[in-house]
Amino acid sequence: MDQLERLFCSGDIKFFYTMPRFHNPLGSSYTFKQQEALLHLAHKYDVYIVEDDYLADFDLNTKRDPLYSRDLHDRVIYLKSFSKIMFPGLRIGLAVLPDALVDPFQQYRTTFDIDSSMISQAALELYLKSGMFERYRAQVSETYTTRGRILQQSMNTHLHMYPYSTEIGMHSHVVLPKGVNMNMLIHQLEQQHIQIDRIDRNYIDDFYRERILKLNVSNVNTDQIEKGISVIADALRDRSNYY
C-alpha cells in the first residue's frame, strides 16, 4: 500500500483498475484491511477505483462483500460480467457508477456503442426472473469450486514448500525460487502435456517480472488436477531446470 500511495499522491492517477476478488491470474483476494486501506487512499487522493468483480458468483465466502459495498465517498466503479457464469457469447455486463460519472459515461458509450443487443438483454432478463440463472449459477459454481478445492489440496500436498495462493478458485499461482530457469521448466512441462501460460504477458514492458507460475484448472478434468500438480512438483525438483 505504501508504493500505491506514492503513485496516487503523484497526482497523475485518476483511475485504478483492480480485481479485489480472485485476481486473474494470481487467484488471490484482498483482505478486509487491504480493502479499507485502498478505499482510504482513493478518497484521500481523489482516485476512482475500477472494481472488476467478474468472479463474484464463485465466491464461497458469503461475508466477503465487494469494495463497492463499503464505498462511502463515491470512489468505486463496480463492474460485473455474466459471461463467466453463463457463456462467453453473452456479451453483457453491468457497471455501477458514481453519480458524477453517469452522464459522461453515457456520452462516451454512445460514441463507441450505440446500443446493446436487445435480444441478449431480454434473454438475460428472462433467465434471471425465472430462477434459471440462480439454479445454473449454483451448478456451475459447484463444478468450479470442486476443481478449486482439488487444486488447493494438491498444492498443499506437492507444492507446500513454495509460497502460493491459498484461495479456493480456478486461478492460483506459485512463487518459484530465483534459480529456476522458467524457459526450461515450461518446456519440460509442455513435453508432458501441461500447458503453461507465461507470466510475461501480464506485465507491462520494462517492469520487473517475478518468477511466478500461473495455474488455471477451469478446463481441467478433476481426475487430472493432482496428477498435473505432481508433475509440476517433480519438474521443480529436477536440477536441470535451474541455472
C-alpha atoms as a PDB file:
ATOM      1  CA  MET A   1       0.000   0.000   0.000  1.00  0.00           C
ATOM      2  CA  ASP A   2       2.927   2.349   0.590  1.00  0.00           C
ATOM      3  CA  GLN A   3       4.006   2.056  -3.034  1.00  0.00           C
ATOM      4  CA  LEU A   4       0.432   2.553  -4.210  1.00  0.00           C
ATOM      5  CA  GLU A   5       0.130   5.705  -2.108  1.00  0.00           C
ATOM      6  CA  ARG A   6       3.302   7.078  -3.683  1.00  0.00           C
ATOM      7  CA  LEU A   7       1.701   6.604  -7.099  1.00  0.00           C
ATOM      8  CA  PHE A   8      -1.609   8.120  -6.032  1.00  0.00           C
ATOM      9  CA  CYS A   9      -0.032  11.189  -4.452  1.00  0.00           C
ATOM     10  CA  SER A  10       1.800  11.989  -7.690  1.00  0.00           C
ATOM     11  CA  GLY A  11      -1.464  13.430  -8.972  1.00  0.00           C
ATOM     12  CA  ASP A  12      -1.236  11.601 -12.305  1.00  0.00           C
ATOM     13  CA  ILE A  13      -3.512   8.699 -11.331  1.00  0.00           C
ATOM     14  CA  LYS A  14      -7.225   9.197 -11.969  1.00  0.00           C
ATOM     15  CA  PHE A  15      -8.405   5.589 -12.217  1.00  0.00           C
ATOM     16  CA  PHE A  16      -7.049   2.462 -10.555  1.00  0.00           C
ATOM     17  CA  TYR A  17      -8.196  -0.833 -12.095  1.00  0.00           C
ATOM     18  CA  THR A  18      -8.156  -3.849  -9.807  1.00  0.00           C
ATOM     19  CA  MET A  19      -9.637  -7.300  -9.156  1.00  0.00           C
ATOM     20  CA  PRO A  20     -10.071  -7.424  -5.373  1.00  0.00           C
ATOM     21  CA  ARG A  21     -11.611 -10.898  -5.514  1.00  0.00           C
ATOM     22  CA  PHE A  22      -9.998 -13.905  -7.284  1.00  0.00           C
ATOM     23  CA  HIS A  23      -7.426 -11.882  -9.157  1.00  0.00           C
ATOM     24  CA  ASN A  24      -6.632 -13.164 -12.630  1.00  0.00           C
ATOM     25  CA  PRO A  25      -4.062 -14.680 -12.993  1.00  0.00           C
ATOM     26  CA  LEU A  26      -2.875 -14.859  -9.364  1.00  0.00           C
ATOM     27  CA  GLY A  27      -6.089 -16.147  -7.798  1.00  0.00           C
ATOM     28  CA  SER A  28      -5.560 -14.037  -4.665  1.00  0.00           C
ATOM     29  CA  SER A  29      -8.044 -11.688  -2.968  1.00  0.00           C
ATOM     30  CA  TYR A  30      -7.706  -8.554  -0.869  1.00  0.00           C
ATOM     31  CA  THR A  31      -8.071  -8.874   2.871  1.00  0.00           C
ATOM     32  CA  PHE A  32     -10.587  -6.662   4.658  1.00  0.00           C
ATOM     33  CA  LYS A  33      -7.716  -4.499   5.903  1.00  0.00           C
ATOM     34  CA  GLN A  34      -6.355  -4.073   2.375  1.00  0.00           C
ATOM     35  CA  GLN A  35      -9.798  -3.137   1.080  1.00  0.00           C
ATOM     36  CA  GLU A  36     -10.203  -0.482   3.753  1.00  0.00           C
ATOM     37  CA  ALA A  37      -6.725   0.897   3.053  1.00  0.00           C
ATOM     38  CA  LEU A  38      -7.429   1.107  -0.691  1.00  0.00           C
ATOM     39  CA  LEU A  39     -10.725   2.930  -0.153  1.00  0.00           C
ATOM     40  CA  HIS A  40      -8.973   5.361   2.179  1.00  0.00           C
ATOM     41  CA  LEU A  41      -6.286   6.126  -0.416  1.00  0.00           C
ATOM     42  CA  ALA A  42      -8.875   6.586  -3.168  1.00  0.00           C
ATOM     43  CA  HIS A  43     -10.769   9.138  -1.081  1.00  0.00           C
ATOM     44  CA  LYS A  44      -7.606  10.880   0.095  1.00  0.00           C
ATOM     45  CA  TYR A  45      -6.128  11.350  -3.392  1.00  0.00           C
ATOM     46  CA  ASP A  46      -9.341  11.687  -5.417  1.00  0.00           C
ATOM     47  CA  VAL A  47      -8.811   8.476  -7.406  1.00  0.00           C
ATOM     48  CA  TYR A  48     -11.584   6.317  -8.831  1.00  0.00           C
ATOM     49  CA  ILE A  49     -11.265   2.572  -8.220  1.00  0.00           C
ATOM     50  CA  VAL A  50     -12.451   0.412 -11.111  1.00  0.00           C
ATOM     51  CA  GLU A  51     -13.501  -2.797  -9.365  1.00  0.00           C
ATOM     52  CA  ASP A  52     -13.721  -5.788 -11.708  1.00  0.00           C
ATOM     53  CA  ASP A  53     -15.757  -8.369  -9.780  1.00  0.00           C
ATOM     54  CA  TYR A  54     -16.129 -10.829 -12.644  1.00  0.00           C
ATOM     55  CA  LEU A  55     -15.923 -13.961 -10.455  1.00  0.00           C
ATOM     56  CA  ALA A  56     -18.191 -12.816  -7.627  1.00  0.00           C
ATOM     57  CA  ASP A  57     -20.647 -15.641  -8.301  1.00  0.00           C
ATOM     58  CA  PHE A  58     -17.998 -18.233  -7.441  1.00  0.00           C
ATOM     59  CA  ASP A  59     -17.071 -16.871  -4.015  1.00  0.00           C
ATOM     60  CA  LEU A  60     -17.854 -19.288  -1.175  1.00  0.00           C
ATOM     61  CA  ASN A  61     -17.284 -16.609   1.452  1.00  0.00           C
ATOM     62  CA  THR A  62     -20.716 -15.008   1.792  1.00  0.00           C
ATOM     63  CA  LYS A  63     -19.300 -12.405   4.196  1.00  0.00           C
ATOM     64  CA  ARG A  64     -16.831 -11.022   1.643  1.00  0.00           C
ATOM     65  CA  ASP A  65     -18.526  -8.069   0.028  1.00  0.00           C
ATOM     66  CA  PRO A  66     -17.168  -6.032  -2.885  1.00  0.00           C
ATOM     67  CA  LEU A  67     -15.323  -2.766  -2.378  1.00  0.00           C
ATOM     68  CA  TYR A  68     -18.390  -1.008  -3.753  1.00  0.00           C
ATOM     69  CA  SER A  69     -20.452  -2.030  -0.720  1.00  0.00           C
ATOM     70  CA  ARG A  70     -18.061  -0.169   1.602  1.00  0.00           C
ATOM     71  CA  ASP A  71     -17.590   2.909  -0.564  1.00  0.00           C
ATOM     72  CA  LEU A  72     -18.854   5.910   1.394  1.00  0.00           C
ATOM     73  CA  HIS A  73     -17.386   8.586  -0.884  1.00  0.00           C
ATOM     74  CA  ASP A  74     -18.443   7.558  -4.415  1.00  0.00           C
ATOM     75  CA  ARG A  75     -14.949   6.456  -5.452  1.00  0.00           C
ATOM     76  CA  VAL A  76     -15.749   2.958  -6.790  1.00  0.00           C
ATOM     77  CA  ILE A  77     -16.852   1.988 -10.292  1.00  0.00           C
ATOM     78  CA  TYR A  78     -18.246  -1.530  -9.950  1.00  0.00           C
ATOM     79  CA  LEU A  79     -18.058  -3.895 -12.935  1.00  0.00           C
ATOM     80  CA  LYS A  80     -19.561  -7.354 -13.266  1.00  0.00           C
ATOM     81  CA  SER A  81     -19.815  -9.759 -16.188  1.00  0.00           C
ATOM     82  CA  PHE A  82     -22.317 -12.521 -16.889  1.00  0.00           C
ATOM     83  CA  SER A  83     -20.011 -14.249 -19.380  1.00  0.00           C
ATOM     84  CA  LYS A  84     -18.114 -16.397 -16.868  1.00  0.00           C
ATOM     85  CA  ILE A  85     -21.153 -17.740 -15.064  1.00  0.00           C
ATOM     86  CA  MET A  86     -23.225 -18.337 -18.209  1.00  0.00           C
ATOM     87  CA  PHE A  87     -21.377 -18.448 -21.527  1.00  0.00           C
ATOM     88  CA  PRO A  88     -18.758 -16.241 -23.251  1.00  0.00           C
ATOM     89  CA  GLY A  89     -21.059 -15.426 -26.152  1.00  0.00           C
ATOM     90  CA  LEU A  90     -23.335 -13.422 -23.869  1.00  0.00           C
ATOM     91  CA  ARG A  91     -21.564 -10.089 -24.104  1.00  0.00           C
ATOM     92  CA  ILE A  92     -23.482  -8.403 -21.307  1.00  0.00           C
ATOM     93  CA  GLY A  93     -22.124  -6.896 -18.142  1.00  0.00           C
ATOM     94  CA  LEU A  94     -23.104  -4.201 -15.712  1.00  0.00           C
ATOM     95  CA  ALA A  95     -21.476  -1.077 -14.368  1.00  0.00           C
ATOM     96  CA  VAL A  96     -22.489   0.738 -11.183  1.00  0.00           C
ATOM     97  CA  LEU A  97     -21.175   4.284 -11.398  1.00  0.00           C
ATOM     98  CA  PRO A  98     -20.725   7.202  -9.019  1.00  0.00           C
ATOM     99  CA  ASP A  99     -23.315   9.894  -9.747  1.00  0.00           C
ATOM    100  CA  ALA A 100     -20.681  12.270 -11.121  1.00  0.00           C
ATOM    101  CA  LEU A 101     -19.722   9.797 -13.863  1.00  0.00           C
ATOM    102  CA  VAL A 102     -23.147   8.725 -15.116  1.00  0.00           C
ATOM    103  CA  ASP A 103     -23.608  11.450 -17.750  1.00  0.00           C
ATOM    104  CA  PRO A 104     -20.009  11.354 -19.098  1.00  0.00           C
ATOM    105  CA  PHE A 105     -20.230   7.560 -19.267  1.00  0.00           C
ATOM    106  CA  GLN A 106     -23.450   7.685 -21.268  1.00  0.00           C
ATOM    107  CA  GLN A 107     -21.948  10.181 -23.704  1.00  0.00           C
ATOM    108  CA  TYR A 108     -18.794   8.149 -24.325  1.00  0.00           C
ATOM    109  CA  ARG A 109     -20.737   4.907 -24.515  1.00  0.00           C
ATOM    110  CA  THR A 110     -22.968   6.344 -27.233  1.00  0.00           C
ATOM    111  CA  THR A 111     -19.842   7.253 -29.190  1.00  0.00           C
ATOM    112  CA  PHE A 112     -18.468   3.702 -29.179  1.00  0.00           C
ATOM    113  CA  ASP A 113     -21.607   1.583 -28.859  1.00  0.00           C
ATOM    114  CA  ILE A 114     -24.969   2.962 -29.932  1.00  0.00           C
ATOM    115  CA  ASP A 115     -26.936   0.222 -28.206  1.00  0.00           C
ATOM    116  CA  SER A 116     -26.518  -3.198 -26.634  1.00  0.00           C
ATOM    117  CA  SER A 117     -28.240  -6.240 -28.083  1.00  0.00           C
ATOM    118  CA  MET A 118     -31.891  -6.079 -27.057  1.00  0.00           C
ATOM    119  CA  ILE A 119     -32.317  -9.809 -27.695  1.00  0.00           C
ATOM    120  CA  SER A 120     -29.443 -10.697 -25.366  1.00  0.00           C
ATOM    121  CA  GLN A 121     -30.764  -8.373 -22.676  1.00  0.00           C
ATOM    122  CA  ALA A 122     -34.269  -9.818 -22.976  1.00  0.00           C
ATOM    123  CA  ALA A 123     -32.909 -13.368 -22.757  1.00  0.00           C
ATOM    124  CA  LEU A 124     -30.897 -12.486 -19.655  1.00  0.00           C
ATOM    125  CA  GLU A 125     -33.917 -10.832 -18.027  1.00  0.00           C
ATOM    126  CA  LEU A 126     -35.980 -13.969 -18.610  1.00  0.00           C
ATOM    127  CA  TYR A 127     -33.168 -16.119 -17.245  1.00  0.00           C
ATOM    128  CA  LEU A 128     -32.948 -14.022 -14.078  1.00  0.00           C
ATOM    129  CA  LYS A 129     -36.673 -13.676 -13.380  1.00  0.00           C
ATOM    130  CA  SER A 130     -37.449 -17.352 -13.973  1.00  0.00           C
ATOM    131  CA  GLY A 131     -34.863 -18.538 -11.461  1.00  0.00           C
ATOM    132  CA  MET A 132     -32.901 -20.411 -14.131  1.00  0.00           C
ATOM    133  CA  PHE A 133     -29.882 -18.179 -13.615  1.00  0.00           C
ATOM    134  CA  GLU A 134     -29.660 -18.948  -9.899  1.00  0.00           C
ATOM    135  CA  ARG A 135     -30.009 -22.694 -10.478  1.00  0.00           C
ATOM    136  CA  TYR A 136     -27.370 -22.654 -13.201  1.00  0.00           C
ATOM    137  CA  ARG A 137     -25.102 -20.429 -11.100  1.00  0.00           C
ATOM    138  CA  ALA A 138     -25.242 -22.941  -8.250  1.00  0.00           C
ATOM    139  CA  GLN A 139     -24.455 -25.813 -10.613  1.00  0.00           C
ATOM    140  CA  VAL A 140     -21.519 -24.099 -12.319  1.00  0.00           C
ATOM    141  CA  SER A 141     -20.203 -22.740  -9.029  1.00  0.00           C
ATOM    142  CA  GLU A 142     -20.183 -26.246  -7.542  1.00  0.00           C
ATOM    143  CA  THR A 143     -18.237 -27.573 -10.535  1.00  0.00           C
ATOM    144  CA  TYR A 144     -15.560 -24.886 -10.383  1.00  0.00           C
ATOM    145  CA  THR A 145     -15.390 -24.977  -6.587  1.00  0.00           C
ATOM    146  CA  THR A 146     -14.717 -28.717  -6.707  1.00  0.00           C
ATOM    147  CA  ARG A 147     -11.836 -28.112  -9.103  1.00  0.00           C
ATOM    148  CA  GLY A 148     -10.558 -25.294  -6.908  1.00  0.00           C
ATOM    149  CA  ARG A 149     -10.606 -27.490  -3.800  1.00  0.00           C
ATOM    150  CA  ILE A 150      -8.719 -30.274  -5.562  1.00  0.00           C
ATOM    151  CA  LEU A 151      -6.176 -27.727  -6.817  1.00  0.00           C
ATOM    152  CA  GLN A 152      -5.687 -26.346  -3.311  1.00  0.00           C
ATOM    153  CA  GLN A 153      -5.355 -29.807  -1.762  1.00  0.00           C
ATOM    154  CA  SER A 154      -2.877 -30.832  -4.457  1.00  0.00           C
ATOM    155  CA  MET A 155      -0.769 -27.728  -3.847  1.00  0.00           C
ATOM    156  CA  ASN A 156      -0.831 -28.396  -0.102  1.00  0.00           C
ATOM    157  CA  THR A 157       0.478 -31.895  -0.788  1.00  0.00           C
ATOM    158  CA  HIS A 158       3.022 -31.309  -3.543  1.00  0.00           C
ATOM    159  CA  LEU A 159       3.968 -27.604  -3.556  1.00  0.00           C
ATOM    160  CA  HIS A 160       3.779 -26.659   0.125  1.00  0.00           C
ATOM    161  CA  MET A 161       7.471 -25.708   0.171  1.00  0.00           C
ATOM    162  CA  TYR A 162       6.806 -22.705  -2.111  1.00  0.00           C
ATOM    163  CA  PRO A 163       4.702 -19.584  -1.448  1.00  0.00           C
ATOM    164  CA  TYR A 164       1.323 -19.924  -3.163  1.00  0.00           C
ATOM    165  CA  SER A 165      -2.203 -18.552  -3.118  1.00  0.00           C
ATOM    166  CA  THR A 166      -4.468 -20.144  -0.503  1.00  0.00           C
ATOM    167  CA  GLU A 167      -7.727 -19.082  -2.147  1.00  0.00           C
ATOM    168  CA  ILE A 168     -10.043 -21.825  -3.393  1.00  0.00           C
ATOM    169  CA  GLY A 169     -10.675 -20.895  -7.006  1.00  0.00           C
ATOM    170  CA  MET A 170      -9.933 -21.644 -10.634  1.00  0.00           C
ATOM    171  CA  HIS A 171      -6.817 -19.465 -10.658  1.00  0.00           C
ATOM    172  CA  SER A 172      -3.790 -19.785  -8.447  1.00  0.00           C
ATOM    173  CA  HIS A 173      -0.052 -19.239  -8.562  1.00  0.00           C
ATOM    174  CA  VAL A 174       3.230 -20.446  -7.124  1.00  0.00           C
ATOM    175  CA  VAL A 175       6.212 -18.198  -6.407  1.00  0.00           C
ATOM    176  CA  LEU A 176       9.295 -20.045  -7.623  1.00  0.00           C
ATOM    177  CA  PRO A 177      12.903 -19.907  -6.391  1.00  0.00           C
ATOM    178  CA  LYS A 178      15.177 -17.371  -8.068  1.00  0.00           C
ATOM    179  CA  GLY A 179      17.359 -20.068  -9.583  1.00  0.00           C
ATOM    180  CA  VAL A 180      14.584 -21.596 -11.691  1.00  0.00           C
ATOM    181  CA  ASN A 181      15.063 -21.386 -15.444  1.00  0.00           C
ATOM    182  CA  MET A 182      11.498 -20.600 -16.496  1.00  0.00           C
ATOM    183  CA  ASN A 183      12.099 -21.416 -20.153  1.00  0.00           C
ATOM    184  CA  MET A 184      13.478 -24.863 -19.327  1.00  0.00           C
ATOM    185  CA  LEU A 185      10.726 -25.539 -16.794  1.00  0.00           C
ATOM    186  CA  ILE A 186       7.908 -24.563 -19.139  1.00  0.00           C
ATOM    187  CA  HIS A 187       9.449 -26.555 -21.995  1.00  0.00           C
ATOM    188  CA  GLN A 188       9.685 -29.691 -19.849  1.00  0.00           C
ATOM    189  CA  LEU A 189       6.092 -29.325 -18.645  1.00  0.00           C
ATOM    190  CA  GLU A 190       4.813 -28.815 -22.182  1.00  0.00           C
ATOM    191  CA  GLN A 191       6.505 -32.067 -23.199  1.00  0.00           C
ATOM    192  CA  GLN A 192       4.397 -33.742 -20.510  1.00  0.00           C
ATOM    193  CA  HIS A 193       1.218 -32.145 -21.885  1.00  0.00           C
ATOM    194  CA  ILE A 194       0.928 -29.443 -19.227  1.00  0.00           C
ATOM    195  CA  GLN A 195       0.323 -26.109 -20.894  1.00  0.00           C
ATOM    196  CA  ILE A 196       1.791 -23.142 -19.043  1.00  0.00           C
ATOM    197  CA  ASP A 197       0.870 -19.584 -19.971  1.00  0.00           C
ATOM    198  CA  ARG A 198       3.895 -17.356 -19.471  1.00  0.00           C
ATOM    199  CA  ILE A 199       3.588 -14.604 -16.889  1.00  0.00           C
ATOM    200  CA  ASP A 200       5.375 -12.116 -19.167  1.00  0.00           C
ATOM    201  CA  ARG A 201       2.222 -11.036 -20.977  1.00  0.00           C
ATOM    202  CA  ASN A 202       0.691  -9.936 -17.667  1.00  0.00           C
ATOM    203  CA  TYR A 203       3.374  -7.291 -17.188  1.00  0.00           C
ATOM    204  CA  ILE A 204       3.914  -4.016 -18.973  1.00  0.00           C
ATOM    205  CA  ASP A 205       7.200  -3.515 -20.800  1.00  0.00           C
ATOM    206  CA  ASP A 206      10.316  -2.809 -18.716  1.00  0.00           C
ATOM    207  CA  PHE A 207       8.556  -3.820 -15.493  1.00  0.00           C
ATOM    208  CA  TYR A 208      10.190  -6.206 -13.030  1.00  0.00           C
ATOM    209  CA  ARG A 209       8.846  -9.741 -13.518  1.00  0.00           C
ATOM    210  CA  GLU A 210       8.577 -12.079 -10.575  1.00  0.00           C
ATOM    211  CA  ARG A 211       9.168 -15.798 -11.052  1.00  0.00           C
ATOM    212  CA  ILE A 212       5.537 -16.814 -10.855  1.00  0.00           C
ATOM    213  CA  LEU A 213       3.982 -19.973 -12.209  1.00  0.00           C
ATOM    214  CA  LYS A 214       0.346 -19.371 -13.132  1.00  0.00           C
ATOM    215  CA  LEU A 215      -2.120 -22.189 -12.556  1.00  0.00           C
ATOM    216  CA  ASN A 216      -5.608 -22.488 -14.011  1.00  0.00           C
ATOM    217  CA  VAL A 217      -7.907 -25.517 -13.778  1.00  0.00           C
ATOM    218  CA  SER A 218     -11.107 -24.086 -15.251  1.00  0.00           C
ATOM    219  CA  ASN A 219     -10.924 -26.537 -18.177  1.00  0.00           C
ATOM    220  CA  VAL A 220      -9.092 -29.424 -16.497  1.00  0.00           C
ATOM    221  CA  ASN A 221     -10.834 -32.667 -15.584  1.00  0.00           C
ATOM    222  CA  THR A 222     -10.927 -33.231 -11.834  1.00  0.00           C
ATOM    223  CA  ASP A 223      -9.063 -36.539 -12.098  1.00  0.00           C
ATOM    224  CA  GLN A 224      -6.149 -34.815 -13.846  1.00  0.00           C
ATOM    225  CA  ILE A 225      -5.561 -31.902 -11.456  1.00  0.00           C
ATOM    226  CA  GLU A 226      -3.494 -33.634  -8.769  1.00  0.00           C
ATOM    227  CA  LYS A 227      -1.567 -35.558 -11.409  1.00  0.00           C
ATOM    228  CA  GLY A 228      -0.638 -32.290 -13.109  1.00  0.00           C
ATOM    229  CA  ILE A 229       0.448 -30.617  -9.862  1.00  0.00           C
ATOM    230  CA  SER A 230       2.549 -33.689  -9.030  1.00  0.00           C
ATOM    231  CA  VAL A 231       4.293 -33.426 -12.407  1.00  0.00           C
ATOM    232  CA  ILE A 232       4.999 -29.734 -11.755  1.00  0.00           C
ATOM    233  CA  ALA A 233       6.481 -30.607  -8.350  1.00  0.00           C
ATOM    234  CA  ASP A 234       8.725 -33.243  -9.967  1.00  0.00           C
ATOM    235  CA  ALA A 235       9.889 -30.709 -12.558  1.00  0.00           C
ATOM    236  CA  LEU A 236      10.773 -28.243  -9.796  1.00  0.00           C
ATOM    237  CA  ARG A 237      12.912 -30.905  -8.127  1.00  0.00           C
ATOM    238  CA  ASP A 238      14.764 -31.528 -11.379  1.00  0.00           C
ATOM    239  CA  ARG A 239      18.046 -29.603 -11.098  1.00  0.00           C
ATOM    240  CA  SER A 240      18.326 -29.377 -14.885  1.00  0.00           C
ATOM    241  CA  ASN A 241      15.581 -26.738 -14.698  1.00  0.00           C
ATOM    242  CA  TYR A 242      17.827 -24.446 -12.663  1.00  0.00           C
ATOM    243  CA  TYR A 243      20.622 -22.111 -13.659  1.00  0.00           C
END
